[in-house]
Amino acid sequence: QVKLVESGGGLVQPGGSLRLSCRVSISMFSINAMNWYRQTPGKERELVAGLIVSGDSNYQESVKGRFTISRDNSKNTIYLQMNSLEPEDTAIYYCYVDQLVAGNRYEYWGQGTQVTVSP
């Protein structure tokens, strides 16, 4: 069973930093794309940052210059470094991967980790 286990969430003051981690139980080399999403009550889940196999990344406009998505293949882990956090960044953050195996596409989600930005 494929597992994505997130960690690193918590309470931080505005202007602070957090690094989210997502450890995956599958080979990183089989992953086509990896994303971080976030969701707040009553709102749709939204894409925050994405990284594809070519190394290209993309970010939601509101987090550009503050968040960085990265991967460490040796640790089977995906990261989201979040700096200059704002109260509007408060949400549950989810890790997502898109895997291609023998021409078939599989999608997996983590359980989510809460990030709260508050004085």
C-alpha atoms as a PDB file:
ATOM      1  CA  GLN A   1       0.000   0.000   0.000  1.00  0.00           C
ATOM      2  CA  VAL A   2       1.387   3.379  -1.019  1.00  0.00           C
ATOM      3  CA  LYS A   3       1.726   5.849   1.813  1.00  0.00           C
ATOM      4  CA  LEU A   4       2.459   9.548   1.933  1.00  0.00           C
ATOM      5  CA  VAL A   5       3.225  10.753   5.438  1.00  0.00           C
ATOM      6  CA  GLU A   6       3.396  14.475   6.060  1.00  0.00           C
ATOM      7  CA  SER A   7       5.022  16.253   8.964  1.00  0.00           C
ATOM      8  CA  GLY A   8       6.293  19.670   9.958  1.00  0.00           C
ATOM      9  CA  GLY A   9       3.067  21.572  10.435  1.00  0.00           C
ATOM     10  CA  GLY A  10       2.337  23.617  13.521  1.00  0.00           C
ATOM     11  CA  LEU A  11       1.728  27.057  14.954  1.00  0.00           C
ATOM     12  CA  VAL A  12       3.998  29.894  13.874  1.00  0.00           C
ATOM     13  CA  GLN A  13       3.903  33.660  14.193  1.00  0.00           C
ATOM     14  CA  PRO A  14       3.511  35.888  11.126  1.00  0.00           C
ATOM     15  CA  GLY A  15       6.847  36.301   9.395  1.00  0.00           C
ATOM     16  CA  GLY A  16       8.052  32.932  10.616  1.00  0.00           C
ATOM     17  CA  SER A  17       9.056  29.807   8.723  1.00  0.00           C
ATOM     18  CA  LEU A  18       8.100  26.159   8.580  1.00  0.00           C
ATOM     19  CA  ARG A  19       9.302  23.260   6.493  1.00  0.00           C
ATOM     20  CA  LEU A  20       6.798  20.585   5.586  1.00  0.00           C
ATOM     21  CA  SER A  21       7.980  17.098   4.727  1.00  0.00           C
ATOM     22  CA  CYS A  22       6.222  14.339   2.831  1.00  0.00           C
ATOM     23  CA  ARG A  23       7.822  10.927   2.997  1.00  0.00           C
ATOM     24  CA  VAL A  24       6.643   8.588   0.244  1.00  0.00           C
ATOM     25  CA  SER A  25       6.720   4.799   0.264  1.00  0.00           C
ATOM     26  CA  ILE A  26       7.359   4.438  -3.479  1.00  0.00           C
ATOM     27  CA  SER A  27      10.414   5.052  -5.619  1.00  0.00           C
ATOM     28  CA  MET A  28      10.878   8.749  -6.258  1.00  0.00           C
ATOM     29  CA  PHE A  29      12.009   7.852  -9.762  1.00  0.00           C
ATOM     30  CA  SER A  30       8.537   6.520 -10.587  1.00  0.00           C
ATOM     31  CA  ILE A  31       6.910   9.840  -9.689  1.00  0.00           C
ATOM     32  CA  ASN A  32       5.890  12.044 -12.587  1.00  0.00           C
ATOM     33  CA  ALA A  33       4.731  15.031 -10.584  1.00  0.00           C
ATOM     34  CA  MET A  34       4.598  16.043  -6.939  1.00  0.00           C
ATOM     35  CA  ASN A  35       2.500  18.852  -5.523  1.00  0.00           C
ATOM     36  CA  TRP A  36       1.538  20.560  -2.314  1.00  0.00           C
ATOM     37  CA  TYR A  37      -2.089  21.646  -1.913  1.00  0.00           C
ATOM     38  CA  ARG A  38      -3.866  23.437   0.895  1.00  0.00           C
ATOM     39  CA  GLN A  39      -7.434  23.732   2.048  1.00  0.00           C
ATOM     40  CA  THR A  40      -9.343  25.907   4.484  1.00  0.00           C
ATOM     41  CA  PRO A  41     -12.884  25.262   5.773  1.00  0.00           C
ATOM     42  CA  GLY A  42     -15.543  25.983   3.176  1.00  0.00           C
ATOM     43  CA  LYS A  43     -13.065  26.377   0.341  1.00  0.00           C
ATOM     44  CA  GLU A  44     -11.831  24.186  -2.484  1.00  0.00           C
ATOM     45  CA  ARG A  45      -8.454  22.539  -2.168  1.00  0.00           C
ATOM     46  CA  GLU A  46      -5.936  24.696  -4.027  1.00  0.00           C
ATOM     47  CA  LEU A  47      -2.564  24.019  -5.584  1.00  0.00           C
ATOM     48  CA  VAL A  48       0.256  25.767  -3.746  1.00  0.00           C
ATOM     49  CA  ALA A  49       3.363  24.411  -5.469  1.00  0.00           C
ATOM     50  CA  GLY A  50       4.240  21.726  -7.984  1.00  0.00           C
ATOM     51  CA  LEU A  51       7.374  19.987  -9.199  1.00  0.00           C
ATOM     52  CA  ILE A  52       7.599  17.723 -12.224  1.00  0.00           C
ATOM     53  CA  VAL A  53      10.157  15.126 -13.223  1.00  0.00           C
ATOM     54  CA  SER A  54      12.007  17.565 -15.501  1.00  0.00           C
ATOM     55  CA  GLY A  55      12.750  19.709 -12.478  1.00  0.00           C
ATOM     56  CA  ASP A  56      10.406  22.517 -13.465  1.00  0.00           C
ATOM     57  CA  SER A  57       8.379  23.998 -10.654  1.00  0.00           C
ATOM     58  CA  ASN A  58       5.350  26.240 -10.431  1.00  0.00           C
ATOM     59  CA  TYR A  59       3.773  28.207  -7.602  1.00  0.00           C
ATOM     60  CA  GLN A  60       0.515  29.855  -6.726  1.00  0.00           C
ATOM     61  CA  GLU A  61       0.938  33.589  -7.206  1.00  0.00           C
ATOM     62  CA  SER A  62       0.383  34.370  -3.520  1.00  0.00           C
ATOM     63  CA  VAL A  63       3.339  32.224  -2.406  1.00  0.00           C
ATOM     64  CA  LYS A  64       5.893  33.056  -5.097  1.00  0.00           C
ATOM     65  CA  GLY A  65       9.159  34.152  -3.584  1.00  0.00           C
ATOM     66  CA  ARG A  66       8.169  32.795  -0.156  1.00  0.00           C
ATOM     67  CA  PHE A  67       7.657  29.045  -0.670  1.00  0.00           C
ATOM     68  CA  THR A  68      10.010  26.527  -2.259  1.00  0.00           C
ATOM     69  CA  ILE A  69       9.195  22.953  -3.249  1.00  0.00           C
ATOM     70  CA  SER A  70      12.012  20.441  -3.431  1.00  0.00           C
ATOM     71  CA  ARG A  71      12.778  16.732  -3.299  1.00  0.00           C
ATOM     72  CA  ASP A  72      15.422  14.488  -1.810  1.00  0.00           C
ATOM     73  CA  ASN A  73      15.467  11.192  -3.685  1.00  0.00           C
ATOM     74  CA  SER A  74      17.825   9.585  -1.186  1.00  0.00           C
ATOM     75  CA  LYS A  75      15.279  10.170   1.575  1.00  0.00           C
ATOM     76  CA  ASN A  76      12.137   9.542  -0.507  1.00  0.00           C
ATOM     77  CA  THR A  77      10.922  12.898   0.716  1.00  0.00           C
ATOM     78  CA  ILE A  78       9.283  15.971  -0.754  1.00  0.00           C
ATOM     79  CA  TYR A  79       9.607  19.303   1.024  1.00  0.00           C
ATOM     80  CA  LEU A  80       7.821  22.622   1.129  1.00  0.00           C
ATOM     81  CA  GLN A  81       9.910  25.382   2.676  1.00  0.00           C
ATOM     82  CA  MET A  82       7.621  28.202   3.739  1.00  0.00           C
ATOM     83  CA  ASN A  83       9.098  31.569   4.687  1.00  0.00           C
ATOM     84  CA  SER A  84       7.565  34.926   5.570  1.00  0.00           C
ATOM     85  CA  LEU A  85       4.368  33.183   6.573  1.00  0.00           C
ATOM     86  CA  GLU A  86       1.163  35.174   6.688  1.00  0.00           C
ATOM     87  CA  PRO A  87      -2.139  34.497   8.494  1.00  0.00           C
ATOM     88  CA  GLU A  88      -3.661  33.824   5.058  1.00  0.00           C
ATOM     89  CA  ASP A  89      -1.374  30.791   4.759  1.00  0.00           C
ATOM     90  CA  THR A  90      -3.271  29.073   7.561  1.00  0.00           C
ATOM     91  CA  ALA A  91      -4.682  25.834   6.177  1.00  0.00           C
ATOM     92  CA  ILE A  92      -4.340  22.084   6.092  1.00  0.00           C
ATOM     93  CA  TYR A  93      -1.531  21.237   3.689  1.00  0.00           C
ATOM     94  CA  TYR A  94      -1.626  18.056   1.616  1.00  0.00           C
ATOM     95  CA  CYS A  95       1.068  16.279  -0.300  1.00  0.00           C
ATOM     96  CA  TYR A  96       0.173  14.692  -3.658  1.00  0.00           C
ATOM     97  CA  VAL A  97       2.094  12.525  -6.113  1.00  0.00           C
ATOM     98  CA  ASP A  98       1.306  11.340  -9.610  1.00  0.00           C
ATOM     99  CA  GLN A  99       2.943   8.065 -10.550  1.00  0.00           C
ATOM    100  CA  LEU A 100       3.239   6.442 -13.979  1.00  0.00           C
ATOM    101  CA  VAL A 101       3.620   2.665 -14.011  1.00  0.00           C
ATOM    102  CA  ALA A 102       3.428   0.614 -17.219  1.00  0.00           C
ATOM    103  CA  GLY A 103       1.387   3.323 -18.893  1.00  0.00           C
ATOM    104  CA  ASN A 104      -1.052   3.609 -16.025  1.00  0.00           C
ATOM    105  CA  ARG A 105      -1.415   6.718 -13.914  1.00  0.00           C
ATOM    106  CA  TYR A 106      -1.892   6.562 -10.183  1.00  0.00           C
ATOM    107  CA  GLU A 107      -2.564   9.419  -7.776  1.00  0.00           C
ATOM    108  CA  TYR A 108      -1.856   9.437  -4.068  1.00  0.00           C
ATOM    109  CA  TRP A 109      -2.585  11.892  -1.273  1.00  0.00           C
ATOM    110  CA  GLY A 110      -1.177  12.399   2.179  1.00  0.00           C
ATOM    111  CA  GLN A 111      -3.345  12.763   5.265  1.00  0.00           C
ATOM    112  CA  GLY A 112      -2.683  16.483   5.651  1.00  0.00           C
ATOM    113  CA  THR A 113      -0.840  18.585   8.195  1.00  0.00           C
ATOM    114  CA  GLN A 114      -2.206  21.708   9.869  1.00  0.00           C
ATOM    115  CA  VAL A 115      -0.364  24.992   9.496  1.00  0.00           C
ATOM    116  CA  THR A 116      -1.565  27.877  11.649  1.00  0.00           C
ATOM    117  CA  VAL A 117      -0.073  31.360  11.326  1.00  0.00           C
ATOM    118  CA  SER A 118      -1.133  33.551  14.216  1.00  0.00           C
ATOM    119  CA  PRO A 119       0.392  36.118  16.605  1.00  0.00           C
END
